[in-house]
Amino acid sequence: MSNDDDAIGAMRHTQAFDTHTVRNQSPEFAPCDLWATDPALREAVVREGGDAFAGHLGDYGRLAGDALYRLSWDAHRDRPRLRSHDRFGHRIDTVEFHPAYHEIMGAAIAQGVAGLSWASQHWALPPVGAHVARAALSFLHHQVEPGSSCPLTMTHAAVPALRREPSLRDWADKAAAAQYDHRDVPMAEKTGVTLGMGMTEKQGGSDVRSNETTVLPLPGGDDYALTGHKWFFSAPMSDGFLVLAQAPGGLSCFLMPRRLPDGAKNAFRIMRLKDKLGDWSNASSEVEFAGARAQRIGEEGRGIAVILDMVMLTRLDCMLGSAAEMRMALIQALHHCRHRVAFGKRLIDQPLMRNVLADLAIESEAATAFALRLAGAVDRAPQDAREAGFARIATAIGKFWICKRAPAFVNEAQECLGGAGYVEESMLPRLYRQAPLNSIWEGSGNIQCLDVLRALQREPVAADALRAELLQATGRHPVYDAWAMAVATDAAAMLTIDPDAAQAGARMLVERLALALQAATLLRADSLLAEAFCRSRLGGGRGMVFGTLNADAGLDTALDRAWSA
């Protein structure tokens, strides 16, 4: 047989398997500059005082939307594994991760996702606006790899608590450092540390006052011995853990290191890793303490007060995380719809699909603007009592509402991709599994609503700051004015009615407050979407599901602004 015959035979063999031509598919999503393509985020950072950090945020937006996005697939797919013992039978309690996870953590910490708020000098950036910039970094990071956001958030939130105790200053400094050091060695040998938390026990859940883990003071120093368990012990691979336990003087907060100063393993055991719905790249665990050494933070009996300082920061990150998940789901849907053709037109040019995407864009911008507004309040809180009061109450309001909106939002974005959005090769299944977490973590929805009631009833500064925030936006839109006045009246009435009735109506009140605060934020920002938000969310100009906007709701403006790719 000649060479020509061989070539013809090979061609015929290939053609036998060519049943169709692959076409009408969207190209790869990455690389995508997550900062440059997000006008709502960029404007919010400037508005809240973080404009000096724009260059730094631009760098991270490009990194997150390219290298970190690509690494995230392996970090998420190859879940952490617990190695309780080594091959010789020694107890080691080690959690193993895919190398991609460590690369992601290294990049995030090097760029300040955990530490920029507390040590902006590491990046040669000013302290003013650092909380806002750190929030934006977290928002960018969470879009591509939300699992690693858990240890990054806890490390960030732990720094102020650690700084309470002079003896823990090295811990605080290394938590804020721009160094990721995942070696399992004592803190003194490390260039940087990460922090986890252990609050929840089997019998108590959110009711941490019912915790039964106990501590006893050890003679000759400031150390205590922990005995008990934690039902949810977050990020067990961390170098230290903030733990709530019952001391002789009441419920108190402690720092428990993984390794003791002499290098010995501390006396706690990882019983198992949780088999979770999502959050696959992060390890969550159950642990038991068998006389583990720990150091008290704050006074005995004041553990909840110590934790509450952290909770405002972790709840803000829950808001940022849910807003980031919305953002990524939106731009994944937009990317698909800009390239996919159906019934003779691109999906994004189909009127019904435009309604859905525009509605999602309005929701996403409102979530982003409100979360960054709160980051600005946290940044200004040390010098401004009203901003501190606003951050105190509005964080619970925003955490309730934004985190509740994320699952339905992501599901709607999935539907924009059709069946492809339900397949693991798309990012939407990962986001869908992740979306419910933030509404549960750091206090479920009911806990947030009870916290809002408590602030209204017992903290006049917070209640006054909330009213002032609502009033500052009046005069800009008649629908908003009517809504704000009604919800302010209802919030005041909660102080006078039966406590059980107030509690039963708390979710409705907090939902309406959240919508009012989102509208107020957009109105004061002169957002191009403020009109559409007020008319659709406050004025009844939409139905119960996404994609039910009135035809004159500014669909083109919302879509033009949504993703400037």
Protein backbone atom coordinates (compact mmCIF):
# COMPACT_ATOMS: atom_id res chain seq x y z
CA MET A 1 0.00 0.00 0.00
CA SER A 2 1.32 3.45 -0.93
CA ASN A 3 1.72 6.43 1.39
CA ASP A 4 -1.23 8.08 -0.40
CA ASP A 5 -3.39 5.08 0.40
CA ASP A 6 -2.35 5.32 4.07
CA ALA A 7 -3.33 9.01 4.18
CA ILE A 8 -6.72 8.36 2.55
CA GLY A 9 -7.40 5.51 5.00
CA ALA A 10 -6.53 7.70 7.99
CA MET A 11 -8.78 10.49 6.69
CA ARG A 12 -11.69 8.10 6.24
CA HIS A 13 -11.15 6.72 9.77
CA THR A 14 -11.21 10.25 11.27
CA GLN A 15 -14.29 11.28 9.31
CA ALA A 16 -16.14 8.25 10.63
CA PHE A 17 -16.08 9.81 14.10
CA ASP A 18 -16.77 13.43 13.09
CA THR A 19 -20.51 13.64 13.76
CA HIS A 20 -20.71 17.40 14.23
CA THR A 21 -18.81 20.66 14.46
CA VAL A 22 -18.47 22.24 17.92
CA ARG A 23 -19.86 25.77 17.70
CA ASN A 24 -22.01 28.31 19.54
CA GLN A 25 -20.02 27.90 22.74
CA SER A 26 -18.74 30.74 24.91
CA PRO A 27 -14.95 31.01 25.18
CA GLU A 28 -13.04 30.45 28.42
CA PHE A 29 -13.95 32.93 31.13
CA ALA A 30 -10.40 33.59 32.35
CA PRO A 31 -8.44 35.75 32.24
CA CYS A 32 -10.81 38.41 33.52
CA ASP A 33 -9.78 41.61 35.29
CA LEU A 34 -12.22 41.51 38.21
CA TRP A 35 -11.39 45.08 39.27
CA ALA A 36 -11.41 46.92 35.95
CA THR A 37 -14.69 45.29 34.87
CA ASP A 38 -16.59 46.18 38.06
CA PRO A 39 -17.58 49.87 38.13
CA ALA A 40 -19.80 49.43 41.22
CA LEU A 41 -16.87 48.12 43.26
CA ARG A 42 -14.42 50.76 42.02
CA GLU A 43 -16.84 53.60 42.76
CA ALA A 44 -17.68 52.23 46.21
CA VAL A 45 -14.01 52.01 47.17
CA VAL A 46 -13.47 55.65 46.21
CA ARG A 47 -16.69 56.75 47.91
CA GLU A 48 -15.74 55.04 51.17
CA GLY A 49 -12.22 56.46 51.30
CA GLY A 50 -10.08 53.70 49.81
CA ASP A 51 -9.05 55.44 46.57
CA ALA A 52 -5.35 55.47 47.54
CA PHE A 53 -5.41 51.68 47.23
CA ALA A 54 -6.75 51.55 43.67
CA GLY A 55 -3.48 50.41 42.13
CA HIS A 56 -3.07 47.63 44.68
CA LEU A 57 -6.66 46.49 44.14
CA GLY A 58 -6.17 46.57 40.38
CA ASP A 59 -3.19 44.25 40.70
CA TYR A 60 -5.19 41.82 42.81
CA GLY A 61 -8.20 41.97 40.51
CA ARG A 62 -6.02 40.81 37.62
CA LEU A 63 -4.35 38.11 39.73
CA ALA A 64 -7.64 36.78 41.10
CA GLY A 65 -9.32 36.68 37.71
CA ASP A 66 -6.48 34.77 36.10
CA ALA A 67 -3.93 32.75 38.12
CA LEU A 68 -6.04 32.30 41.26
CA TYR A 69 -9.12 31.44 39.22
CA ARG A 70 -7.18 28.68 37.47
CA LEU A 71 -5.71 27.36 40.74
CA SER A 72 -9.11 27.34 42.41
CA TRP A 73 -10.36 24.33 40.44
CA ASP A 74 -7.79 21.96 41.92
CA ALA A 75 -8.01 23.53 45.38
CA HIS A 76 -11.75 22.95 45.39
CA ARG A 77 -11.85 19.55 43.70
CA ASP A 78 -9.15 17.90 45.85
CA ARG A 79 -10.70 18.26 49.29
CA PRO A 80 -8.63 18.46 52.49
CA ARG A 81 -7.82 15.13 54.13
CA LEU A 82 -7.26 14.35 57.80
CA ARG A 83 -4.23 12.30 58.76
CA SER A 84 -4.80 11.49 62.42
CA HIS A 85 -1.65 9.31 62.75
CA ASP A 86 1.62 8.87 60.94
CA ARG A 87 2.73 5.48 59.64
CA PHE A 88 4.41 4.67 62.94
CA GLY A 89 1.24 5.20 64.95
CA HIS A 90 2.03 8.63 66.39
CA ARG A 91 -0.91 11.00 66.71
CA ILE A 92 -0.26 13.95 64.35
CA ASP A 93 -3.71 15.46 63.55
CA THR A 94 -2.55 16.92 60.25
CA VAL A 95 -4.80 18.25 57.50
CA GLU A 96 -3.40 17.83 54.00
CA PHE A 97 -4.33 20.15 51.12
CA HIS A 98 -3.74 20.26 47.40
CA PRO A 99 -0.69 22.45 46.62
CA ALA A 100 -2.99 24.85 44.77
CA TYR A 101 -4.65 25.74 48.08
CA HIS A 102 -1.34 26.81 49.57
CA GLU A 103 -0.52 28.85 46.48
CA ILE A 104 -3.84 30.67 46.79
CA MET A 105 -3.37 31.30 50.51
CA GLY A 106 0.15 32.53 49.90
CA ALA A 107 -0.96 35.02 47.27
CA ALA A 108 -3.89 36.26 49.37
CA ILE A 109 -1.85 36.85 52.51
CA ALA A 110 1.04 38.39 50.56
CA GLN A 111 -1.40 40.94 49.09
CA GLY A 112 -3.18 41.76 52.36
CA VAL A 113 -6.47 39.87 52.26
CA ALA A 114 -5.88 38.95 55.92
CA GLY A 115 -3.68 41.76 57.17
CA LEU A 116 -4.05 44.99 55.20
CA SER A 117 -6.41 46.56 57.76
CA TRP A 118 -3.84 46.24 60.52
CA ALA A 119 -0.47 46.57 58.81
CA SER A 120 -0.85 48.58 55.63
CA GLN A 121 2.80 49.67 55.99
CA HIS A 122 3.78 46.20 54.74
CA TRP A 123 2.43 47.28 51.35
CA ALA A 124 3.63 50.92 51.60
CA LEU A 125 0.00 52.10 51.76
CA PRO A 126 -1.69 54.57 54.13
CA PRO A 127 -3.79 53.40 57.12
CA VAL A 128 -6.78 55.59 56.19
CA GLY A 129 -9.13 53.54 54.06
CA ALA A 130 -7.31 50.30 54.82
CA HIS A 131 -10.46 48.52 56.04
CA VAL A 132 -12.24 49.51 52.83
CA ALA A 133 -9.39 48.28 50.67
CA ARG A 134 -9.11 45.05 52.65
CA ALA A 135 -12.85 44.53 52.19
CA ALA A 136 -12.43 45.00 48.44
CA LEU A 137 -9.54 42.52 48.41
CA SER A 138 -11.74 40.02 50.23
CA PHE A 139 -14.55 40.65 47.74
CA LEU A 140 -12.21 40.02 44.79
CA HIS A 141 -10.69 36.93 46.40
CA HIS A 142 -13.98 35.34 47.42
CA GLN A 143 -15.27 35.47 43.86
CA VAL A 144 -12.76 32.86 42.76
CA GLU A 145 -11.89 30.81 45.87
CA PRO A 146 -14.39 31.21 48.72
CA GLY A 147 -13.17 28.27 50.81
CA SER A 148 -9.87 29.95 51.66
CA SER A 149 -11.82 33.02 52.73
CA CYS A 150 -12.65 31.24 56.01
CA PRO A 151 -9.12 31.20 57.49
CA LEU A 152 -8.35 34.58 55.91
CA THR A 153 -11.41 36.11 57.57
CA MET A 154 -10.73 34.59 60.98
CA THR A 155 -7.08 35.61 60.88
CA HIS A 156 -8.09 39.16 60.00
CA ALA A 157 -10.79 39.37 62.67
CA ALA A 158 -8.60 37.94 65.44
CA VAL A 159 -5.95 40.66 65.35
CA PRO A 160 -7.78 43.27 67.51
CA ALA A 161 -8.58 40.61 70.13
CA LEU A 162 -4.96 39.46 70.25
CA ARG A 163 -3.77 43.04 70.61
CA ARG A 164 -5.71 43.28 73.88
CA GLU A 165 -3.00 41.25 75.59
CA PRO A 166 0.62 42.52 75.54
CA SER A 167 1.86 38.95 75.88
CA LEU A 168 0.10 38.04 72.61
CA ARG A 169 1.54 40.91 70.58
CA ASP A 170 3.75 38.57 68.55
CA TRP A 171 0.69 36.55 67.61
CA ALA A 172 -1.12 39.70 66.49
CA ASP A 173 1.86 40.94 64.47
CA LYS A 174 2.35 37.63 62.71
CA ALA A 175 -1.36 37.33 61.96
CA ALA A 176 -1.20 40.73 60.26
CA ALA A 177 2.06 39.98 58.44
CA ALA A 178 2.29 39.55 54.67
CA GLN A 179 3.79 36.09 55.07
CA TYR A 180 2.07 32.72 54.63
CA ASP A 181 3.95 30.04 56.51
CA HIS A 182 2.04 26.75 56.65
CA ARG A 183 4.76 24.76 58.42
CA ASP A 184 3.55 22.93 61.53
CA VAL A 185 6.04 24.50 63.93
CA PRO A 186 5.74 26.71 67.05
CA MET A 187 4.67 30.31 66.56
CA ALA A 188 8.11 31.70 67.50
CA GLU A 189 9.65 29.94 64.50
CA LYS A 190 7.11 31.22 61.99
CA THR A 191 7.13 34.32 59.77
CA GLY A 192 3.33 34.49 59.69
CA VAL A 193 0.41 32.70 61.35
CA THR A 194 -3.21 31.93 60.61
CA LEU A 195 -6.03 31.71 63.15
CA GLY A 196 -9.09 29.50 63.48
CA MET A 197 -12.00 29.55 65.92
CA GLY A 198 -13.83 27.14 68.19
CA MET A 199 -17.11 28.44 69.58
CA THR A 200 -19.90 25.95 68.84
CA GLU A 201 -20.63 22.85 70.92
CA LYS A 202 -23.05 19.98 70.34
CA GLN A 203 -25.57 20.97 72.97
CA GLY A 204 -25.61 24.71 72.34
CA GLY A 205 -25.12 25.78 68.73
CA SER A 206 -25.52 29.55 68.62
CA ASP A 207 -26.29 29.59 72.36
CA VAL A 208 -22.64 29.78 73.40
CA ARG A 209 -23.57 30.58 77.01
CA SER A 210 -24.50 26.91 77.30
CA ASN A 211 -20.93 25.84 76.41
CA GLU A 212 -19.61 23.11 78.68
CA THR A 213 -15.92 23.11 77.75
CA THR A 214 -14.02 24.13 80.87
CA VAL A 215 -10.65 25.61 81.70
CA LEU A 216 -8.63 25.47 84.89
CA PRO A 217 -5.79 27.90 85.69
CA LEU A 218 -2.39 26.26 85.72
CA PRO A 219 0.03 27.13 88.53
CA GLY A 220 2.93 29.46 87.99
CA GLY A 221 1.74 31.47 84.99
CA ASP A 222 -1.07 32.76 82.79
CA ASP A 223 -1.89 29.46 81.12
CA TYR A 224 -5.05 27.42 81.47
CA ALA A 225 -5.90 23.79 80.69
CA LEU A 226 -8.87 23.20 78.32
CA THR A 227 -11.09 20.12 78.61
CA GLY A 228 -14.14 19.49 76.45
CA HIS A 229 -15.11 19.58 72.79
CA LYS A 230 -16.12 21.77 69.86
CA TRP A 231 -18.74 20.60 67.37
CA PHE A 232 -17.61 23.11 64.71
CA PHE A 233 -13.92 23.94 64.84
CA SER A 234 -13.02 26.09 61.85
CA ALA A 235 -9.78 25.80 59.91
CA PRO A 236 -8.11 23.15 62.12
CA MET A 237 -4.86 23.49 60.17
CA SER A 238 -4.31 26.97 61.67
CA ASP A 239 -1.49 27.89 64.05
CA GLY A 240 -3.76 29.11 66.84
CA PHE A 241 -7.44 29.10 67.73
CA LEU A 242 -9.71 31.44 69.63
CA VAL A 243 -11.85 29.26 71.88
CA LEU A 244 -14.73 29.99 74.25
CA ALA A 245 -14.74 28.02 77.49
CA GLN A 246 -16.13 28.19 81.01
CA ALA A 247 -13.52 29.58 83.43
CA PRO A 248 -13.99 29.94 87.20
CA GLY A 249 -15.13 33.51 86.53
CA GLY A 250 -17.54 32.62 83.70
CA LEU A 251 -17.46 32.20 79.92
CA SER A 252 -14.10 33.46 78.67
CA CYS A 253 -12.03 33.63 75.50
CA PHE A 254 -8.69 31.87 75.08
CA LEU A 255 -5.93 31.53 72.50
CA MET A 256 -4.99 27.89 72.07
CA PRO A 257 -1.83 27.27 69.99
CA ARG A 258 -1.43 24.22 67.78
CA ARG A 259 2.17 23.77 68.94
CA LEU A 260 3.54 24.58 72.37
CA PRO A 261 6.69 26.73 72.64
CA ASP A 262 8.86 23.63 73.06
CA GLY A 263 7.48 22.19 69.82
CA ALA A 264 5.21 19.59 71.40
CA LYS A 265 1.75 19.10 69.93
CA ASN A 266 -0.95 20.69 72.09
CA ALA A 267 -3.40 18.30 73.76
CA PHE A 268 -6.33 18.42 71.36
CA ARG A 269 -7.51 15.81 68.88
CA ILE A 270 -9.22 16.31 65.53
CA MET A 271 -12.00 13.74 65.63
CA ARG A 272 -13.08 14.14 62.03
CA LEU A 273 -13.46 16.65 59.21
CA LYS A 274 -17.01 17.73 58.44
CA ASP A 275 -18.49 16.36 55.20
CA LYS A 276 -20.04 19.62 54.02
CA LEU A 277 -22.46 20.61 51.28
CA GLY A 278 -19.90 23.03 49.86
CA ASP A 279 -16.86 25.01 50.99
CA TRP A 280 -14.84 22.03 49.84
CA SER A 281 -11.41 23.67 49.75
CA ASN A 282 -11.66 24.59 53.44
CA ALA A 283 -11.42 22.15 56.34
CA SER A 284 -13.97 22.26 59.16
CA SER A 285 -13.75 19.80 62.01
CA GLU A 286 -14.85 18.38 65.34
CA VAL A 287 -12.25 18.37 68.12
CA GLU A 288 -11.75 17.29 71.70
CA PHE A 289 -9.52 19.00 74.25
CA ALA A 290 -7.65 16.86 76.78
CA GLY A 291 -5.95 19.46 78.95
CA ALA A 292 -4.83 21.62 76.03
CA ARG A 293 -2.88 24.69 77.09
CA ALA A 294 -4.37 28.07 76.30
CA GLN A 295 -3.95 31.71 77.28
CA ARG A 296 -6.83 33.94 78.32
CA ILE A 297 -7.78 36.99 76.21
CA GLY A 298 -9.52 39.68 78.26
CA GLU A 299 -11.03 39.20 81.67
CA GLU A 300 -12.64 36.03 82.92
CA GLY A 301 -16.36 36.11 82.28
CA ARG A 302 -15.98 38.57 79.39
CA GLY A 303 -15.52 36.07 76.59
CA ILE A 304 -18.60 37.09 74.64
CA ALA A 305 -17.53 40.75 74.72
CA VAL A 306 -14.16 39.75 73.22
CA ILE A 307 -15.83 37.65 70.55
CA LEU A 308 -18.36 40.36 69.65
CA ASP A 309 -15.49 42.64 68.58
CA MET A 310 -14.51 39.95 66.10
CA VAL A 311 -18.04 39.08 65.08
CA MET A 312 -18.68 42.46 63.47
CA LEU A 313 -15.67 41.85 61.24
CA THR A 314 -16.53 38.25 60.41
CA ARG A 315 -20.15 39.16 59.70
CA LEU A 316 -18.98 41.91 57.38
CA ASP A 317 -16.96 39.29 55.54
CA CYS A 318 -20.07 37.11 55.30
CA MET A 319 -21.78 40.03 53.55
CA LEU A 320 -18.79 40.59 51.31
CA GLY A 321 -18.62 36.89 50.51
CA SER A 322 -22.28 36.63 49.53
CA ALA A 323 -22.03 39.81 47.47
CA ALA A 324 -18.91 38.37 45.80
CA GLU A 325 -20.73 35.12 44.99
CA MET A 326 -23.52 37.16 43.41
CA ARG A 327 -21.00 39.11 41.41
CA MET A 328 -19.21 36.04 40.07
CA ALA A 329 -22.50 34.30 39.27
CA LEU A 330 -23.67 37.41 37.42
CA ILE A 331 -20.58 37.80 35.28
CA GLN A 332 -20.49 34.07 34.50
CA ALA A 333 -24.08 34.41 33.26
CA LEU A 334 -23.26 37.57 31.30
CA HIS A 335 -20.21 35.93 29.74
CA HIS A 336 -22.33 33.02 28.54
CA CYS A 337 -25.20 35.15 27.30
CA ARG A 338 -22.94 37.50 25.34
CA HIS A 339 -21.65 34.60 23.27
CA ARG A 340 -24.49 32.08 23.11
CA VAL A 341 -27.01 32.35 20.25
CA ALA A 342 -30.56 31.00 20.50
CA PHE A 343 -33.54 31.51 18.20
CA GLY A 344 -31.46 33.65 15.88
CA LYS A 345 -30.11 36.16 18.42
CA ARG A 346 -27.54 36.28 21.17
CA LEU A 347 -29.12 35.43 24.52
CA ILE A 348 -28.26 38.84 25.90
CA ASP A 349 -30.34 40.42 23.11
CA GLN A 350 -33.42 38.36 23.95
CA PRO A 351 -35.88 40.62 25.84
CA LEU A 352 -36.78 38.12 28.55
CA MET A 353 -33.17 37.20 29.23
CA ARG A 354 -32.29 40.90 29.38
CA ASN A 355 -34.91 41.32 32.09
CA VAL A 356 -33.41 38.50 34.14
CA LEU A 357 -29.83 39.73 33.76
CA ALA A 358 -30.75 43.35 34.49
CA ASP A 359 -32.61 42.31 37.64
CA LEU A 360 -29.58 40.33 38.79
CA ALA A 361 -27.32 43.30 38.01
CA ILE A 362 -29.43 45.62 40.17
CA GLU A 363 -29.37 43.13 43.06
CA SER A 364 -25.63 42.63 42.76
CA GLU A 365 -24.78 46.32 42.73
CA ALA A 366 -26.99 46.99 45.75
CA ALA A 367 -25.26 44.19 47.69
CA THR A 368 -21.80 45.43 46.74
CA ALA A 369 -22.53 49.06 47.57
CA PHE A 370 -24.07 48.24 50.95
CA ALA A 371 -21.23 45.89 51.98
CA LEU A 372 -18.61 48.52 51.10
CA ARG A 373 -20.65 51.19 52.92
CA LEU A 374 -20.30 49.08 56.04
CA ALA A 375 -16.58 48.60 55.43
CA GLY A 376 -16.30 52.38 55.37
CA ALA A 377 -18.20 52.62 58.65
CA VAL A 378 -15.83 50.10 60.25
CA ASP A 379 -12.87 52.11 58.95
CA ARG A 380 -14.21 55.34 60.48
CA ALA A 381 -15.61 53.82 63.68
CA PRO A 382 -12.59 54.50 65.93
CA GLN A 383 -12.94 58.26 65.33
CA ASP A 384 -16.70 58.54 64.76
CA ALA A 385 -19.21 57.26 67.34
CA ARG A 386 -22.12 57.45 64.92
CA GLU A 387 -20.30 55.38 62.32
CA ALA A 388 -19.44 52.89 65.06
CA GLY A 389 -23.10 52.69 66.05
CA PHE A 390 -24.16 52.28 62.44
CA ALA A 391 -21.63 49.51 61.85
CA ARG A 392 -22.86 47.75 64.98
CA ILE A 393 -26.50 47.44 63.90
CA ALA A 394 -26.26 47.55 60.11
CA THR A 395 -23.80 44.65 59.98
CA ALA A 396 -26.46 42.36 61.45
CA ILE A 397 -29.07 43.77 59.05
CA GLY A 398 -26.85 43.33 56.01
CA LYS A 399 -25.61 39.92 57.07
CA PHE A 400 -29.20 38.71 57.33
CA TRP A 401 -30.38 40.08 54.00
CA ILE A 402 -27.47 39.80 51.58
CA CYS A 403 -26.60 36.29 52.71
CA LYS A 404 -30.25 35.24 52.32
CA ARG A 405 -30.34 36.57 48.75
CA ALA A 406 -27.28 34.72 47.48
CA PRO A 407 -28.68 31.16 46.98
CA ALA A 408 -31.68 32.26 44.89
CA PHE A 409 -29.44 34.66 42.97
CA VAL A 410 -26.88 31.99 42.09
CA ASN A 411 -29.61 29.57 41.07
CA GLU A 412 -31.07 32.15 38.68
CA ALA A 413 -27.63 32.70 37.17
CA GLN A 414 -27.28 28.92 36.74
CA GLU A 415 -30.49 28.89 34.76
CA CYS A 416 -29.06 31.47 32.36
CA LEU A 417 -26.54 28.81 31.31
CA GLY A 418 -29.18 26.11 31.06
CA GLY A 419 -27.93 22.57 31.68
CA ALA A 420 -24.32 23.71 31.41
CA GLY A 421 -24.83 25.68 34.62
CA TYR A 422 -25.58 22.47 36.49
CA VAL A 423 -22.40 20.73 35.37
CA GLU A 424 -19.19 20.84 37.42
CA GLU A 425 -17.13 22.10 34.47
CA SER A 426 -18.94 25.40 34.96
CA MET A 427 -18.28 27.40 38.12
CA LEU A 428 -21.96 27.73 38.99
CA PRO A 429 -22.36 24.42 40.90
CA ARG A 430 -19.47 25.41 43.15
CA LEU A 431 -21.03 28.80 43.82
CA TYR A 432 -24.44 27.21 44.39
CA ARG A 433 -23.07 24.87 47.06
CA GLN A 434 -21.21 27.75 48.66
CA ALA A 435 -24.09 30.23 48.63
CA PRO A 436 -26.04 29.02 51.72
CA LEU A 437 -23.00 29.00 54.00
CA ASN A 438 -22.74 32.68 54.86
CA SER A 439 -26.35 32.82 56.03
CA ILE A 440 -25.52 30.08 58.57
CA TRP A 441 -21.95 30.92 59.58
CA GLU A 442 -21.40 33.57 62.28
CA GLY A 443 -25.03 33.40 63.38
CA SER A 444 -27.99 32.26 61.30
CA GLY A 445 -30.75 34.58 60.14
CA ASN A 446 -32.74 34.40 63.36
CA ILE A 447 -29.66 35.30 65.40
CA GLN A 448 -29.10 38.39 63.23
CA CYS A 449 -32.71 39.50 63.68
CA LEU A 450 -32.54 39.04 67.44
CA ASP A 451 -29.32 41.04 67.44
CA VAL A 452 -31.02 43.89 65.56
CA LEU A 453 -33.85 43.91 68.13
CA ARG A 454 -31.32 43.93 70.94
CA ALA A 455 -29.49 46.89 69.43
CA LEU A 456 -32.74 48.83 68.90
CA GLN A 457 -33.84 48.18 72.47
CA ARG A 458 -30.58 48.53 74.40
CA GLU A 459 -28.11 50.56 72.35
CA PRO A 460 -29.38 54.11 71.72
CA VAL A 461 -26.25 55.08 69.76
CA ALA A 462 -26.83 52.26 67.27
CA ALA A 463 -30.55 52.97 66.95
CA ASP A 464 -29.92 56.71 66.45
CA ALA A 465 -27.23 56.01 63.84
CA LEU A 466 -29.63 53.79 61.92
CA ARG A 467 -32.33 56.48 61.86
CA ALA A 468 -29.79 59.11 60.80
CA GLU A 469 -28.63 56.91 57.91
CA LEU A 470 -32.19 56.53 56.68
CA LEU A 471 -32.94 60.25 56.99
CA GLN A 472 -29.81 61.37 55.15
CA ALA A 473 -31.09 59.82 51.92
CA THR A 474 -34.56 61.37 52.04
CA GLY A 475 -35.58 63.97 49.48
CA ARG A 476 -34.01 62.04 46.60
CA HIS A 477 -36.85 59.71 45.65
CA PRO A 478 -40.50 59.77 46.73
CA VAL A 479 -40.84 55.98 46.90
CA TYR A 480 -37.81 55.79 49.16
CA ASP A 481 -39.07 58.60 51.37
CA ALA A 482 -42.35 56.80 52.03
CA TRP A 483 -40.59 53.48 52.65
CA ALA A 484 -37.98 54.97 55.00
CA MET A 485 -40.54 56.81 57.09
CA ALA A 486 -42.71 53.69 57.42
CA VAL A 487 -39.86 51.38 58.39
CA ALA A 488 -38.42 53.90 60.87
CA THR A 489 -41.85 54.12 62.50
CA ASP A 490 -42.13 50.34 62.69
CA ALA A 491 -38.63 50.02 64.17
CA ALA A 492 -39.56 52.51 66.91
CA ALA A 493 -42.78 50.60 67.58
CA MET A 494 -40.79 47.43 68.26
CA LEU A 495 -39.66 49.04 71.51
CA THR A 496 -43.20 49.31 72.84
CA ILE A 497 -44.90 46.03 71.90
CA ASP A 498 -44.88 42.64 73.61
CA PRO A 499 -41.41 41.01 73.34
CA ASP A 500 -42.80 37.83 71.78
CA ALA A 501 -44.68 39.83 69.17
CA ALA A 502 -41.55 41.87 68.43
CA GLN A 503 -39.52 38.71 67.96
CA ALA A 504 -42.13 37.12 65.69
CA GLY A 505 -42.07 40.19 63.43
CA ALA A 506 -38.31 40.67 63.46
CA ARG A 507 -37.58 39.09 60.09
CA MET A 508 -40.05 41.32 58.30
CA LEU A 509 -38.62 44.40 60.00
CA VAL A 510 -35.00 43.50 59.24
CA GLU A 511 -35.82 42.71 55.61
CA ARG A 512 -37.45 46.11 55.17
CA LEU A 513 -34.58 47.85 56.95
CA ALA A 514 -32.10 46.10 54.65
CA LEU A 515 -33.93 47.23 51.54
CA ALA A 516 -34.12 50.76 52.91
CA LEU A 517 -30.38 50.84 53.65
CA GLN A 518 -29.49 49.45 50.22
CA ALA A 519 -31.68 52.08 48.59
CA ALA A 520 -30.21 54.82 50.80
CA THR A 521 -26.67 53.76 49.85
CA LEU A 522 -27.45 53.81 46.13
CA LEU A 523 -29.28 57.13 46.34
CA ARG A 524 -26.52 58.88 48.27
CA ALA A 525 -23.99 57.47 45.79
CA ASP A 526 -26.02 58.87 42.83
CA SER A 527 -25.92 55.37 41.39
CA LEU A 528 -27.37 54.99 37.91
CA LEU A 529 -29.32 52.03 39.32
CA ALA A 530 -30.84 53.82 42.32
CA GLU A 531 -34.04 54.69 40.45
CA ALA A 532 -34.53 51.11 39.26
CA PHE A 533 -33.81 49.73 42.72
CA CYS A 534 -36.31 52.02 44.43
CA ARG A 535 -39.05 51.40 41.89
CA SER A 536 -38.56 47.63 41.74
CA ARG A 537 -37.68 46.74 45.35
CA LEU A 538 -39.60 49.43 47.26
CA GLY A 539 -42.30 50.47 44.80
CA GLY A 540 -43.66 47.11 43.74
CA GLY A 541 -42.25 47.29 40.20
CA ARG A 542 -41.35 43.60 40.05
CA GLY A 543 -42.66 40.17 40.95
CA MET A 544 -41.42 37.54 43.40
CA VAL A 545 -38.69 36.10 41.17
CA PHE A 546 -35.80 37.59 39.22
CA GLY A 547 -36.62 38.73 35.72
CA THR A 548 -39.97 40.34 36.52
CA LEU A 549 -38.95 43.99 36.23
CA ASN A 550 -41.33 46.43 34.58
CA ALA A 551 -40.35 47.13 30.99
CA ASP A 552 -39.38 50.75 31.81
CA ALA A 553 -37.09 49.76 34.70
CA GLY A 554 -33.84 50.82 33.02
CA LEU A 555 -32.76 47.42 31.72
CA ASP A 556 -30.23 48.82 29.27
CA THR A 557 -28.55 50.95 31.93
CA ALA A 558 -28.28 48.01 34.30
CA LEU A 559 -26.75 45.76 31.66
CA ASP A 560 -24.35 48.37 30.32
CA ARG A 561 -23.07 48.95 33.84
CA ALA A 562 -23.01 45.34 35.01
CA TRP A 563 -19.75 44.19 33.46
CA SER A 564 -17.54 46.52 31.49
CA ALA A 565 -15.66 43.71 29.77
